[in-house]
Amino acid sequence: MGDGRAAVAGRSRWRWARTVLVALCGAGLAVSAALVVVRLAGLDDGSPLALAVVGLPYAAAGTLLLLGVLLAVRSWWAAGLAGLLAVVQLCWLVPRFVPDGRSVAADAPRLRVATSNAYMGQVDVAALVRLVREQRVDVLAVEELGAPAARALDRAGIAELLPYREAPEGDTALYSRLPLTRLDASASAAARAQVAAEVSVGGRTVRLTAVHTYYPLGDAERWGEDFDGLRAAASGSTRNAVFLGDFNASLDHAPMRDLLATGLTDTHAELGRGGSPTWPEDNADFPFLPPVIQIDHVLHGGALSAVAVEEHTVPGTDHRAVVAELAVTG
């Protein structure tokens, strides 16, 4: 009799624990499902929901974990929902981890570009110049630079490596080893804080746009408007284009996906490195948080192909710099 009562009590405790566990998993799946709905419907465009979308890759990992738990406790209906969510999320995420395998002719002209957010002018300019030298950068886009930091960058010797520049009033600048032909910002980059110019690479013209969109935490509507301007600038003229900078957006954000749909390719995703985070790096507001999201990008049109891309830590800034080598193939 004692053994029987113990067995009944044990089953009761297990049913109670299982119910609690399934309920907790259900709450987690509800969050994951909400993010899927936001992404599917593009509800983050110009809205505070943009902040939640940055967590989608981590929600996908959580969904897989919940699926394993639900299968272990034999909650089949909940496991089925988790499996469906996982399939949808993985369909979005897996391609950016798989290189496209496109071959590039060895004699195709190469262009090495880099982007670095200067963190309101606090970047270590000597380290940034060193990065340009060591990585043999041809074109550098700098965001959040400001006049004092620009002067410090000059004193650090940037002009010796990149003698040409386009730096209109604002916080964004283009520095280049190759002569630059400035493009009308109102026509070529109809958004705030963007700088656009052309360079000639192996006799072929490449259109460069240094990008710095507003951040959605500060003003989501303004962030969306900046992307509207970028899409207007890119539409119909993406073939020989390179957009690089701080987009304040991941590959899951609707405005970024719409920009890519104009005919641009993300260099990280093209090379199977779509999970490489660039922010935050030593950010004062998040001192113990390592880089967890990728918001700095190099995008290019069909006349170019990605050869390599890397992230580099530069002291004084909360963004990792991105250096990419592009081949001009068309």
C-alpha atoms as a PDB file:
ATOM      1  CA  MET A   1       0.000   0.000   0.000  1.00  0.00           C
ATOM      2  CA  GLY A   2       2.803   2.408   0.893  1.00  0.00           C
ATOM      3  CA  ASP A   3       4.528   1.768  -2.420  1.00  0.00           C
ATOM      4  CA  GLY A   4       1.254   2.346  -4.266  1.00  0.00           C
ATOM      5  CA  ARG A   5       0.633   5.668  -2.567  1.00  0.00           C
ATOM      6  CA  ALA A   6       4.211   6.744  -3.337  1.00  0.00           C
ATOM      7  CA  ALA A   7       3.775   5.840  -6.973  1.00  0.00           C
ATOM      8  CA  VAL A   8       0.514   7.810  -7.186  1.00  0.00           C
ATOM      9  CA  ALA A   9       2.151  10.788  -5.485  1.00  0.00           C
ATOM     10  CA  GLY A  10       5.100  10.552  -7.863  1.00  0.00           C
ATOM     11  CA  ARG A  11       2.807  10.542 -10.913  1.00  0.00           C
ATOM     12  CA  SER A  12       0.899  13.495  -9.505  1.00  0.00           C
ATOM     13  CA  ARG A  13       4.079  15.485  -9.003  1.00  0.00           C
ATOM     14  CA  TRP A  14       5.224  14.607 -12.508  1.00  0.00           C
ATOM     15  CA  ARG A  15       1.897  15.719 -14.039  1.00  0.00           C
ATOM     16  CA  TRP A  16       2.092  18.978 -12.098  1.00  0.00           C
ATOM     17  CA  ALA A  17       5.728  19.587 -13.127  1.00  0.00           C
ATOM     18  CA  ARG A  18       4.918  18.683 -16.723  1.00  0.00           C
ATOM     19  CA  THR A  19       1.974  21.100 -16.772  1.00  0.00           C
ATOM     20  CA  VAL A  20       4.158  23.919 -15.433  1.00  0.00           C
ATOM     21  CA  LEU A  21       6.945  23.100 -17.871  1.00  0.00           C
ATOM     22  CA  VAL A  22       4.587  23.021 -20.859  1.00  0.00           C
ATOM     23  CA  ALA A  23       3.042  26.307 -19.749  1.00  0.00           C
ATOM     24  CA  LEU A  24       6.462  27.954 -19.544  1.00  0.00           C
ATOM     25  CA  CYS A  25       7.388  26.582 -22.946  1.00  0.00           C
ATOM     26  CA  GLY A  26       4.083  27.874 -24.291  1.00  0.00           C
ATOM     27  CA  ALA A  27       4.905  31.365 -23.047  1.00  0.00           C
ATOM     28  CA  GLY A  28       8.267  31.191 -24.772  1.00  0.00           C
ATOM     29  CA  LEU A  29       6.662  30.001 -27.992  1.00  0.00           C
ATOM     30  CA  ALA A  30       4.171  32.875 -27.813  1.00  0.00           C
ATOM     31  CA  VAL A  31       7.054  35.359 -27.817  1.00  0.00           C
ATOM     32  CA  SER A  32       8.737  33.542 -30.690  1.00  0.00           C
ATOM     33  CA  ALA A  33       5.480  33.406 -32.653  1.00  0.00           C
ATOM     34  CA  ALA A  34       4.916  37.126 -32.094  1.00  0.00           C
ATOM     35  CA  LEU A  35       8.327  37.892 -33.581  1.00  0.00           C
ATOM     36  CA  VAL A  36       7.525  35.695 -36.581  1.00  0.00           C
ATOM     37  CA  VAL A  37       4.291  37.610 -37.138  1.00  0.00           C
ATOM     38  CA  VAL A  38       6.097  40.951 -36.871  1.00  0.00           C
ATOM     39  CA  ARG A  39       8.671  39.878 -39.443  1.00  0.00           C
ATOM     40  CA  LEU A  40       6.150  38.325 -41.812  1.00  0.00           C
ATOM     41  CA  ALA A  41       3.947  41.428 -41.763  1.00  0.00           C
ATOM     42  CA  GLY A  42       6.810  43.935 -41.722  1.00  0.00           C
ATOM     43  CA  LEU A  43       5.323  45.580 -38.630  1.00  0.00           C
ATOM     44  CA  ASP A  44       8.744  46.832 -37.543  1.00  0.00           C
ATOM     45  CA  ASP A  45       9.019  49.329 -40.413  1.00  0.00           C
ATOM     46  CA  GLY A  46       8.971  52.751 -38.782  1.00  0.00           C
ATOM     47  CA  SER A  47       7.740  51.368 -35.460  1.00  0.00           C
ATOM     48  CA  PRO A  48       9.256  50.575 -32.040  1.00  0.00           C
ATOM     49  CA  LEU A  49       8.832  46.882 -32.884  1.00  0.00           C
ATOM     50  CA  ALA A  50      12.142  47.281 -34.712  1.00  0.00           C
ATOM     51  CA  LEU A  51      13.830  46.836 -31.352  1.00  0.00           C
ATOM     52  CA  ALA A  52      12.288  43.410 -30.849  1.00  0.00           C
ATOM     53  CA  VAL A  53      13.223  42.139 -34.317  1.00  0.00           C
ATOM     54  CA  VAL A  54      16.950  42.230 -33.533  1.00  0.00           C
ATOM     55  CA  GLY A  55      16.315  39.298 -31.201  1.00  0.00           C
ATOM     56  CA  LEU A  56      14.872  37.013 -33.868  1.00  0.00           C
ATOM     57  CA  PRO A  57      18.012  34.835 -34.330  1.00  0.00           C
ATOM     58  CA  TYR A  58      18.141  34.274 -30.586  1.00  0.00           C
ATOM     59  CA  ALA A  59      14.415  33.522 -30.525  1.00  0.00           C
ATOM     60  CA  ALA A  60      15.042  30.885 -33.194  1.00  0.00           C
ATOM     61  CA  ALA A  61      17.682  29.249 -31.008  1.00  0.00           C
ATOM     62  CA  GLY A  62      15.246  29.378 -28.111  1.00  0.00           C
ATOM     63  CA  THR A  63      12.542  27.772 -30.245  1.00  0.00           C
ATOM     64  CA  LEU A  64      14.817  24.825 -30.988  1.00  0.00           C
ATOM     65  CA  LEU A  65      15.535  24.440 -27.292  1.00  0.00           C
ATOM     66  CA  LEU A  66      11.824  24.536 -26.450  1.00  0.00           C
ATOM     67  CA  LEU A  67      11.144  21.984 -29.174  1.00  0.00           C
ATOM     68  CA  GLY A  68      13.581  19.593 -27.536  1.00  0.00           C
ATOM     69  CA  VAL A  69      11.973  20.083 -24.114  1.00  0.00           C
ATOM     70  CA  LEU A  70       8.459  19.576 -25.460  1.00  0.00           C
ATOM     71  CA  LEU A  71       9.461  16.421 -27.276  1.00  0.00           C
ATOM     72  CA  ALA A  72      11.070  15.137 -24.087  1.00  0.00           C
ATOM     73  CA  VAL A  73       7.851  15.630 -22.091  1.00  0.00           C
ATOM     74  CA  ARG A  74       5.734  14.295 -24.975  1.00  0.00           C
ATOM     75  CA  SER A  75       3.625  17.399 -25.433  1.00  0.00           C
ATOM     76  CA  TRP A  76       2.983  16.649 -29.093  1.00  0.00           C
ATOM     77  CA  TRP A  77       0.734  19.552 -30.043  1.00  0.00           C
ATOM     78  CA  ALA A  78       3.033  22.126 -28.490  1.00  0.00           C
ATOM     79  CA  ALA A  79       6.027  20.387 -30.043  1.00  0.00           C
ATOM     80  CA  GLY A  80       4.302  20.559 -33.423  1.00  0.00           C
ATOM     81  CA  LEU A  81       3.852  24.327 -33.037  1.00  0.00           C
ATOM     82  CA  ALA A  82       7.474  24.706 -31.983  1.00  0.00           C
ATOM     83  CA  GLY A  83       8.581  22.656 -34.973  1.00  0.00           C
ATOM     84  CA  LEU A  84       6.571  24.832 -37.351  1.00  0.00           C
ATOM     85  CA  LEU A  85       8.027  28.016 -35.887  1.00  0.00           C
ATOM     86  CA  ALA A  86      11.533  26.566 -36.037  1.00  0.00           C
ATOM     87  CA  VAL A  87      11.154  25.667 -39.723  1.00  0.00           C
ATOM     88  CA  VAL A  88      10.007  29.196 -40.593  1.00  0.00           C
ATOM     89  CA  GLN A  89      12.813  30.827 -38.619  1.00  0.00           C
ATOM     90  CA  LEU A  90      15.489  28.521 -39.999  1.00  0.00           C
ATOM     91  CA  CYS A  91      14.334  29.201 -43.562  1.00  0.00           C
ATOM     92  CA  TRP A  92      15.106  32.847 -42.885  1.00  0.00           C
ATOM     93  CA  LEU A  93      18.364  32.340 -41.024  1.00  0.00           C
ATOM     94  CA  VAL A  94      20.179  29.381 -42.569  1.00  0.00           C
ATOM     95  CA  PRO A  95      20.844  30.959 -46.029  1.00  0.00           C
ATOM     96  CA  ARG A  96      22.928  33.726 -44.486  1.00  0.00           C
ATOM     97  CA  PHE A  97      25.280  31.099 -43.040  1.00  0.00           C
ATOM     98  CA  VAL A  98      25.805  29.334 -46.387  1.00  0.00           C
ATOM     99  CA  PRO A  99      28.268  30.898 -48.870  1.00  0.00           C
ATOM    100  CA  ASP A 100      26.767  31.361 -52.305  1.00  0.00           C
ATOM    101  CA  GLY A 101      29.833  29.751 -53.901  1.00  0.00           C
ATOM    102  CA  ARG A 102      30.076  32.287 -56.711  1.00  0.00           C
ATOM    103  CA  SER A 103      33.479  32.147 -58.383  1.00  0.00           C
ATOM    104  CA  VAL A 104      35.413  35.314 -59.132  1.00  0.00           C
ATOM    105  CA  ALA A 105      37.984  35.632 -61.917  1.00  0.00           C
ATOM    106  CA  ALA A 106      41.487  36.097 -60.529  1.00  0.00           C
ATOM    107  CA  ASP A 107      42.095  39.106 -62.767  1.00  0.00           C
ATOM    108  CA  ALA A 108      38.881  40.956 -61.812  1.00  0.00           C
ATOM    109  CA  PRO A 109      39.666  44.427 -60.412  1.00  0.00           C
ATOM    110  CA  ARG A 110      39.421  44.562 -56.623  1.00  0.00           C
ATOM    111  CA  LEU A 111      38.115  47.264 -54.310  1.00  0.00           C
ATOM    112  CA  ARG A 112      38.746  47.093 -50.570  1.00  0.00           C
ATOM    113  CA  VAL A 113      36.218  49.089 -48.564  1.00  0.00           C
ATOM    114  CA  ALA A 114      35.750  49.652 -44.855  1.00  0.00           C
ATOM    115  CA  THR A 115      33.195  51.256 -42.577  1.00  0.00           C
ATOM    116  CA  SER A 116      33.622  52.436 -39.011  1.00  0.00           C
ATOM    117  CA  ASN A 117      31.248  54.270 -36.703  1.00  0.00           C
ATOM    118  CA  ALA A 118      33.378  56.815 -34.792  1.00  0.00           C
ATOM    119  CA  TYR A 119      31.069  56.773 -31.731  1.00  0.00           C
ATOM    120  CA  MET A 120      30.391  60.511 -31.605  1.00  0.00           C
ATOM    121  CA  GLY A 121      34.003  61.282 -32.481  1.00  0.00           C
ATOM    122  CA  GLN A 122      35.494  59.176 -29.694  1.00  0.00           C
ATOM    123  CA  VAL A 123      37.215  56.655 -31.971  1.00  0.00           C
ATOM    124  CA  ASP A 124      40.961  56.183 -31.579  1.00  0.00           C
ATOM    125  CA  VAL A 125      41.985  57.908 -34.818  1.00  0.00           C
ATOM    126  CA  ALA A 126      45.493  56.463 -34.769  1.00  0.00           C
ATOM    127  CA  ALA A 127      44.032  52.953 -34.558  1.00  0.00           C
ATOM    128  CA  LEU A 128      41.645  53.732 -37.403  1.00  0.00           C
ATOM    129  CA  VAL A 129      44.502  54.953 -39.602  1.00  0.00           C
ATOM    130  CA  ARG A 130      46.456  51.832 -38.682  1.00  0.00           C
ATOM    131  CA  LEU A 131      43.510  49.669 -39.728  1.00  0.00           C
ATOM    132  CA  VAL A 132      43.363  51.448 -43.104  1.00  0.00           C
ATOM    133  CA  ARG A 133      47.082  50.894 -43.621  1.00  0.00           C
ATOM    134  CA  GLU A 134      47.212  47.273 -42.518  1.00  0.00           C
ATOM    135  CA  GLN A 135      44.072  46.257 -44.406  1.00  0.00           C
ATOM    136  CA  ARG A 136      45.064  48.178 -47.566  1.00  0.00           C
ATOM    137  CA  VAL A 137      41.714  49.948 -47.614  1.00  0.00           C
ATOM    138  CA  ASP A 138      40.812  51.818 -50.797  1.00  0.00           C
ATOM    139  CA  VAL A 139      37.648  53.522 -49.536  1.00  0.00           C
ATOM    140  CA  LEU A 140      36.656  54.247 -45.940  1.00  0.00           C
ATOM    141  CA  ALA A 141      33.226  55.347 -44.737  1.00  0.00           C
ATOM    142  CA  VAL A 142      33.117  56.935 -41.286  1.00  0.00           C
ATOM    143  CA  GLU A 143      29.927  57.698 -39.367  1.00  0.00           C
ATOM    144  CA  GLU A 144      29.447  59.885 -36.282  1.00  0.00           C
ATOM    145  CA  LEU A 145      32.749  61.555 -37.081  1.00  0.00           C
ATOM    146  CA  GLY A 146      32.250  65.251 -36.338  1.00  0.00           C
ATOM    147  CA  ALA A 147      34.624  68.113 -37.101  1.00  0.00           C
ATOM    148  CA  PRO A 148      37.018  67.687 -34.122  1.00  0.00           C
ATOM    149  CA  ALA A 149      37.522  63.976 -34.844  1.00  0.00           C
ATOM    150  CA  ALA A 150      37.938  64.712 -38.570  1.00  0.00           C
ATOM    151  CA  ARG A 151      40.752  67.141 -37.750  1.00  0.00           C
ATOM    152  CA  ALA A 152      42.309  64.560 -35.426  1.00  0.00           C
ATOM    153  CA  LEU A 153      42.075  61.980 -38.201  1.00  0.00           C
ATOM    154  CA  ASP A 154      43.972  64.380 -40.478  1.00  0.00           C
ATOM    155  CA  ARG A 155      46.670  64.849 -37.856  1.00  0.00           C
ATOM    156  CA  ALA A 156      46.919  61.049 -37.546  1.00  0.00           C
ATOM    157  CA  GLY A 157      47.801  60.844 -41.235  1.00  0.00           C
ATOM    158  CA  ILE A 158      44.669  59.663 -43.002  1.00  0.00           C
ATOM    159  CA  ALA A 159      45.383  61.887 -46.024  1.00  0.00           C
ATOM    160  CA  GLU A 160      48.644  60.091 -46.704  1.00  0.00           C
ATOM    161  CA  LEU A 161      46.733  56.865 -47.274  1.00  0.00           C
ATOM    162  CA  LEU A 162      43.381  58.175 -48.521  1.00  0.00           C
ATOM    163  CA  PRO A 163      43.981  61.628 -50.040  1.00  0.00           C
ATOM    164  CA  TYR A 164      40.502  62.106 -51.532  1.00  0.00           C
ATOM    165  CA  ARG A 165      37.407  62.756 -49.457  1.00  0.00           C
ATOM    166  CA  GLU A 166      33.785  63.752 -49.524  1.00  0.00           C
ATOM    167  CA  ALA A 167      32.777  65.179 -46.182  1.00  0.00           C
ATOM    168  CA  PRO A 168      29.877  67.618 -46.440  1.00  0.00           C
ATOM    169  CA  GLU A 169      28.322  69.066 -43.325  1.00  0.00           C
ATOM    170  CA  GLY A 170      27.131  66.214 -41.156  1.00  0.00           C
ATOM    171  CA  ASP A 171      28.650  63.280 -39.332  1.00  0.00           C
ATOM    172  CA  THR A 172      29.397  60.988 -42.287  1.00  0.00           C
ATOM    173  CA  ALA A 173      32.406  61.068 -44.598  1.00  0.00           C
ATOM    174  CA  LEU A 174      34.018  59.095 -47.410  1.00  0.00           C
ATOM    175  CA  TYR A 175      37.827  58.850 -47.655  1.00  0.00           C
ATOM    176  CA  SER A 176      39.411  57.285 -50.718  1.00  0.00           C
ATOM    177  CA  ARG A 177      42.732  56.281 -52.245  1.00  0.00           C
ATOM    178  CA  LEU A 178      41.060  56.744 -55.632  1.00  0.00           C
ATOM    179  CA  PRO A 179      39.753  60.049 -56.998  1.00  0.00           C
ATOM    180  CA  LEU A 180      36.137  60.672 -55.997  1.00  0.00           C
ATOM    181  CA  THR A 181      33.416  62.284 -58.050  1.00  0.00           C
ATOM    182  CA  ARG A 182      30.755  63.587 -55.730  1.00  0.00           C
ATOM    183  CA  LEU A 183      27.159  62.701 -56.493  1.00  0.00           C
ATOM    184  CA  ASP A 184      24.192  64.915 -55.707  1.00  0.00           C
ATOM    185  CA  ALA A 185      23.004  63.652 -52.348  1.00  0.00           C
ATOM    186  CA  SER A 186      19.428  64.693 -53.039  1.00  0.00           C
ATOM    187  CA  ALA A 187      19.375  62.449 -56.098  1.00  0.00           C
ATOM    188  CA  SER A 188      21.691  59.622 -55.119  1.00  0.00           C
ATOM    189  CA  ALA A 189      21.072  59.234 -51.408  1.00  0.00           C
ATOM    190  CA  ALA A 190      17.803  60.895 -50.512  1.00  0.00           C
ATOM    191  CA  ALA A 191      18.174  60.341 -46.808  1.00  0.00           C
ATOM    192  CA  ARG A 192      19.769  62.156 -43.924  1.00  0.00           C
ATOM    193  CA  ALA A 193      23.487  61.832 -43.226  1.00  0.00           C
ATOM    194  CA  GLN A 194      24.364  59.888 -46.389  1.00  0.00           C
ATOM    195  CA  VAL A 195      27.348  60.763 -48.620  1.00  0.00           C
ATOM    196  CA  ALA A 196      27.632  59.489 -52.189  1.00  0.00           C
ATOM    197  CA  ALA A 197      30.440  59.513 -54.749  1.00  0.00           C
ATOM    198  CA  GLU A 198      31.826  57.565 -57.693  1.00  0.00           C
ATOM    199  CA  VAL A 199      35.237  55.975 -58.170  1.00  0.00           C
ATOM    200  CA  SER A 200      36.833  54.261 -61.142  1.00  0.00           C
ATOM    201  CA  VAL A 201      38.135  50.739 -60.531  1.00  0.00           C
ATOM    202  CA  GLY A 202      39.930  49.074 -63.408  1.00  0.00           C
ATOM    203  CA  GLY A 203      38.163  51.402 -65.821  1.00  0.00           C
ATOM    204  CA  ARG A 204      34.735  50.635 -64.363  1.00  0.00           C
ATOM    205  CA  THR A 205      32.621  53.029 -62.356  1.00  0.00           C
ATOM    206  CA  VAL A 206      31.509  52.112 -58.837  1.00  0.00           C
ATOM    207  CA  ARG A 207      28.909  54.225 -57.028  1.00  0.00           C
ATOM    208  CA  LEU A 208      29.572  54.458 -53.299  1.00  0.00           C
ATOM    209  CA  THR A 209      27.132  55.573 -50.631  1.00  0.00           C
ATOM    210  CA  ALA A 210      28.215  55.978 -47.007  1.00  0.00           C
ATOM    211  CA  VAL A 211      25.182  55.206 -44.875  1.00  0.00           C
ATOM    212  CA  HIS A 212      24.179  56.264 -41.403  1.00  0.00           C
ATOM    213  CA  THR A 213      20.476  55.880 -40.694  1.00  0.00           C
ATOM    214  CA  TYR A 214      18.881  57.208 -37.545  1.00  0.00           C
ATOM    215  CA  TYR A 215      18.515  54.630 -34.765  1.00  0.00           C
ATOM    216  CA  PRO A 216      15.031  53.178 -34.147  1.00  0.00           C
ATOM    217  CA  LEU A 217      15.293  53.510 -30.370  1.00  0.00           C
ATOM    218  CA  GLY A 218      15.605  57.276 -30.788  1.00  0.00           C
ATOM    219  CA  ASP A 219      12.959  57.758 -33.476  1.00  0.00           C
ATOM    220  CA  ALA A 220      11.612  54.701 -35.292  1.00  0.00           C
ATOM    221  CA  GLU A 221       9.636  56.785 -37.792  1.00  0.00           C
ATOM    222  CA  ARG A 222      12.720  58.763 -38.775  1.00  0.00           C
ATOM    223  CA  TRP A 223      14.645  55.482 -39.083  1.00  0.00           C
ATOM    224  CA  GLY A 224      12.022  54.203 -41.501  1.00  0.00           C
ATOM    225  CA  GLU A 225      12.117  57.444 -43.490  1.00  0.00           C
ATOM    226  CA  ASP A 226      15.884  57.142 -43.877  1.00  0.00           C
ATOM    227  CA  PHE A 227      15.416  53.718 -45.411  1.00  0.00           C
ATOM    228  CA  ASP A 228      12.716  55.111 -47.689  1.00  0.00           C
ATOM    229  CA  GLY A 229      15.327  57.541 -48.973  1.00  0.00           C
ATOM    230  CA  LEU A 230      17.907  54.822 -49.448  1.00  0.00           C
ATOM    231  CA  ARG A 231      15.459  52.678 -51.410  1.00  0.00           C
ATOM    232  CA  ALA A 232      14.572  55.643 -53.611  1.00  0.00           C
ATOM    233  CA  ALA A 233      18.267  56.241 -54.255  1.00  0.00           C
ATOM    234  CA  ALA A 234      18.977  52.585 -54.971  1.00  0.00           C
ATOM    235  CA  SER A 235      15.983  51.871 -57.182  1.00  0.00           C
ATOM    236  CA  GLY A 236      17.073  51.241 -60.760  1.00  0.00           C
ATOM    237  CA  SER A 237      20.758  52.012 -60.127  1.00  0.00           C
ATOM    238  CA  THR A 238      22.079  49.218 -57.966  1.00  0.00           C
ATOM    239  CA  ARG A 239      24.154  47.264 -60.480  1.00  0.00           C
ATOM    240  CA  ASN A 240      27.442  49.064 -59.813  1.00  0.00           C
ATOM    241  CA  ALA A 241      26.495  50.348 -56.350  1.00  0.00           C
ATOM    242  CA  VAL A 242      28.073  49.851 -52.941  1.00  0.00           C
ATOM    243  CA  PHE A 243      26.203  50.936 -49.807  1.00  0.00           C
ATOM    244  CA  LEU A 244      28.291  50.718 -46.651  1.00  0.00           C
ATOM    245  CA  GLY A 245      27.981  52.003 -43.121  1.00  0.00           C
ATOM    246  CA  ASP A 246      25.936  51.885 -39.958  1.00  0.00           C
ATOM    247  CA  PHE A 247      22.435  50.909 -41.057  1.00  0.00           C
ATOM    248  CA  ASN A 248      21.113  50.475 -37.510  1.00  0.00           C
ATOM    249  CA  ALA A 249      19.306  47.432 -38.891  1.00  0.00           C
ATOM    250  CA  SER A 250      19.810  43.695 -39.098  1.00  0.00           C
ATOM    251  CA  LEU A 251      18.991  41.462 -42.041  1.00  0.00           C
ATOM    252  CA  ASP A 252      15.640  40.661 -40.397  1.00  0.00           C
ATOM    253  CA  HIS A 253      14.327  44.230 -40.388  1.00  0.00           C
ATOM    254  CA  ALA A 254      11.718  44.971 -43.038  1.00  0.00           C
ATOM    255  CA  PRO A 255      13.373  48.217 -44.263  1.00  0.00           C
ATOM    256  CA  MET A 256      16.687  46.407 -44.754  1.00  0.00           C
ATOM    257  CA  ARG A 257      15.025  43.525 -46.577  1.00  0.00           C
ATOM    258  CA  ASP A 258      13.212  46.006 -48.820  1.00  0.00           C
ATOM    259  CA  LEU A 259      16.501  47.771 -49.558  1.00  0.00           C
ATOM    260  CA  LEU A 260      18.152  44.472 -50.470  1.00  0.00           C
ATOM    261  CA  ALA A 261      15.197  43.710 -52.740  1.00  0.00           C
ATOM    262  CA  THR A 262      16.188  46.642 -54.972  1.00  0.00           C
ATOM    263  CA  GLY A 263      19.052  44.476 -56.256  1.00  0.00           C
ATOM    264  CA  LEU A 264      21.645  44.621 -53.487  1.00  0.00           C
ATOM    265  CA  THR A 265      23.470  41.775 -51.746  1.00  0.00           C
ATOM    266  CA  ASP A 266      24.766  41.751 -48.186  1.00  0.00           C
ATOM    267  CA  THR A 267      28.457  40.842 -48.238  1.00  0.00           C
ATOM    268  CA  HIS A 268      28.360  38.947 -44.943  1.00  0.00           C
ATOM    269  CA  ALA A 269      25.435  36.784 -46.031  1.00  0.00           C
ATOM    270  CA  GLU A 270      26.968  36.209 -49.468  1.00  0.00           C
ATOM    271  CA  LEU A 271      30.068  34.746 -47.837  1.00  0.00           C
ATOM    272  CA  GLY A 272      28.141  32.742 -45.237  1.00  0.00           C
ATOM    273  CA  ARG A 273      29.027  35.092 -42.389  1.00  0.00           C
ATOM    274  CA  GLY A 274      25.570  36.548 -41.780  1.00  0.00           C
ATOM    275  CA  GLY A 275      25.792  35.948 -38.055  1.00  0.00           C
ATOM    276  CA  SER A 276      28.856  38.121 -37.426  1.00  0.00           C
ATOM    277  CA  PRO A 277      27.855  40.746 -34.833  1.00  0.00           C
ATOM    278  CA  THR A 278      29.190  44.302 -34.954  1.00  0.00           C
ATOM    279  CA  TRP A 279      27.468  46.003 -31.984  1.00  0.00           C
ATOM    280  CA  PRO A 280      27.810  46.753 -29.094  1.00  0.00           C
ATOM    281  CA  GLU A 281      31.572  46.740 -28.646  1.00  0.00           C
ATOM    282  CA  ASP A 282      32.638  48.344 -25.360  1.00  0.00           C
ATOM    283  CA  ASN A 283      29.507  50.491 -25.141  1.00  0.00           C
ATOM    284  CA  ALA A 284      29.221  52.610 -21.990  1.00  0.00           C
ATOM    285  CA  ASP A 285      25.513  51.828 -21.636  1.00  0.00           C
ATOM    286  CA  PHE A 286      26.095  48.065 -21.975  1.00  0.00           C
ATOM    287  CA  PRO A 287      29.571  47.592 -20.432  1.00  0.00           C
ATOM    288  CA  PHE A 288      29.331  43.820 -19.986  1.00  0.00           C
ATOM    289  CA  LEU A 289      27.512  42.973 -23.216  1.00  0.00           C
ATOM    290  CA  PRO A 290      29.597  41.615 -26.117  1.00  0.00           C
ATOM    291  CA  PRO A 291      28.610  42.307 -29.731  1.00  0.00           C
ATOM    292  CA  VAL A 292      25.319  40.502 -30.342  1.00  0.00           C
ATOM    293  CA  ILE A 293      23.740  42.073 -33.444  1.00  0.00           C
ATOM    294  CA  GLN A 294      24.954  42.928 -36.913  1.00  0.00           C
ATOM    295  CA  ILE A 295      23.974  46.467 -37.888  1.00  0.00           C
ATOM    296  CA  ASP A 296      27.072  47.514 -39.876  1.00  0.00           C
ATOM    297  CA  HIS A 297      26.967  46.262 -43.441  1.00  0.00           C
ATOM    298  CA  VAL A 298      28.532  46.387 -46.880  1.00  0.00           C
ATOM    299  CA  LEU A 299      25.910  45.944 -49.607  1.00  0.00           C
ATOM    300  CA  HIS A 300      26.707  45.721 -53.302  1.00  0.00           C
ATOM    301  CA  GLY A 301      25.008  45.390 -56.671  1.00  0.00           C
ATOM    302  CA  GLY A 302      25.242  42.724 -59.341  1.00  0.00           C
ATOM    303  CA  ALA A 303      28.339  44.132 -61.024  1.00  0.00           C
ATOM    304  CA  LEU A 304      30.382  43.278 -57.936  1.00  0.00           C
ATOM    305  CA  SER A 305      31.082  40.112 -55.966  1.00  0.00           C
ATOM    306  CA  ALA A 306      32.268  39.666 -52.408  1.00  0.00           C
ATOM    307  CA  VAL A 307      35.699  38.106 -51.979  1.00  0.00           C
ATOM    308  CA  ALA A 308      36.262  38.560 -48.239  1.00  0.00           C
ATOM    309  CA  VAL A 309      34.800  40.323 -45.217  1.00  0.00           C
ATOM    310  CA  GLU A 310      36.074  40.749 -41.663  1.00  0.00           C
ATOM    311  CA  GLU A 311      35.188  42.641 -38.499  1.00  0.00           C
ATOM    312  CA  HIS A 312      37.824  44.539 -36.542  1.00  0.00           C
ATOM    313  CA  THR A 313      37.820  46.052 -33.077  1.00  0.00           C
ATOM    314  CA  VAL A 314      38.870  49.715 -33.073  1.00  0.00           C
ATOM    315  CA  PRO A 315      39.427  51.292 -29.642  1.00  0.00           C
ATOM    316  CA  GLY A 316      37.155  54.170 -28.703  1.00  0.00           C
ATOM    317  CA  THR A 317      34.094  53.086 -30.671  1.00  0.00           C
ATOM    318  CA  ASP A 318      31.174  50.818 -29.798  1.00  0.00           C
ATOM    319  CA  HIS A 319      30.985  49.363 -33.317  1.00  0.00           C
ATOM    320  CA  ARG A 320      33.282  46.841 -34.899  1.00  0.00           C
ATOM    321  CA  ALA A 321      34.692  48.101 -38.165  1.00  0.00           C
ATOM    322  CA  VAL A 322      33.845  46.054 -41.248  1.00  0.00           C
ATOM    323  CA  VAL A 323      36.423  45.545 -44.005  1.00  0.00           C
ATOM    324  CA  ALA A 324      35.306  43.930 -47.259  1.00  0.00           C
ATOM    325  CA  GLU A 325      37.076  43.084 -50.482  1.00  0.00           C
ATOM    326  CA  LEU A 326      34.882  43.317 -53.562  1.00  0.00           C
ATOM    327  CA  ALA A 327      35.647  42.195 -57.094  1.00  0.00           C
ATOM    328  CA  VAL A 328      34.298  44.326 -59.922  1.00  0.00           C
ATOM    329  CA  THR A 329      32.952  41.685 -62.292  1.00  0.00           C
ATOM    330  CA  GLY A 330      30.572  43.550 -64.579  1.00  0.00           C
END
